């Protein structure tokens, strides 16, 4: 199902963005 694939892509994108965001915040401290 294409819908499931899209959801998986979105969640992996979100996970990557969150990780980058956290890493950047930790680097600033």
Protein backbone atom coordinates (compact mmCIF):
# COMPACT_ATOMS: atom_id res chain seq x y z
CA UNK A 1 0.00 0.00 0.00
CA UNK A 2 1.45 3.34 -1.07
CA UNK A 3 -0.08 5.08 1.93
CA UNK A 4 1.90 2.93 4.37
CA UNK A 5 5.10 3.61 2.43
CA UNK A 6 4.47 7.34 2.63
CA UNK A 7 3.88 7.16 6.37
CA UNK A 8 7.12 5.22 6.85
CA UNK A 9 9.06 7.77 4.79
CA UNK A 10 7.55 10.61 6.79
CA UNK A 11 8.34 9.03 10.14
CA UNK A 12 11.94 8.28 9.14
CA UNK A 13 12.28 11.88 7.93
CA UNK A 14 10.89 13.14 11.23
CA UNK A 15 13.23 10.88 13.20
CA UNK A 16 16.22 12.19 11.26
CA UNK A 17 15.13 15.81 11.72
CA UNK A 18 14.62 15.29 15.46
CA UNK A 19 18.02 13.63 15.78
CA UNK A 20 19.74 16.48 13.91
CA UNK A 21 17.86 19.01 16.04
CA UNK A 22 18.90 17.33 19.29
CA UNK A 23 22.51 16.99 18.15
CA UNK A 24 22.60 20.68 17.24
CA UNK A 25 21.12 21.65 20.62
CA UNK A 26 23.62 19.49 22.49
CA UNK A 27 26.48 21.04 20.52
CA UNK A 28 25.34 24.54 21.48
CA UNK A 29 25.42 23.84 25.20
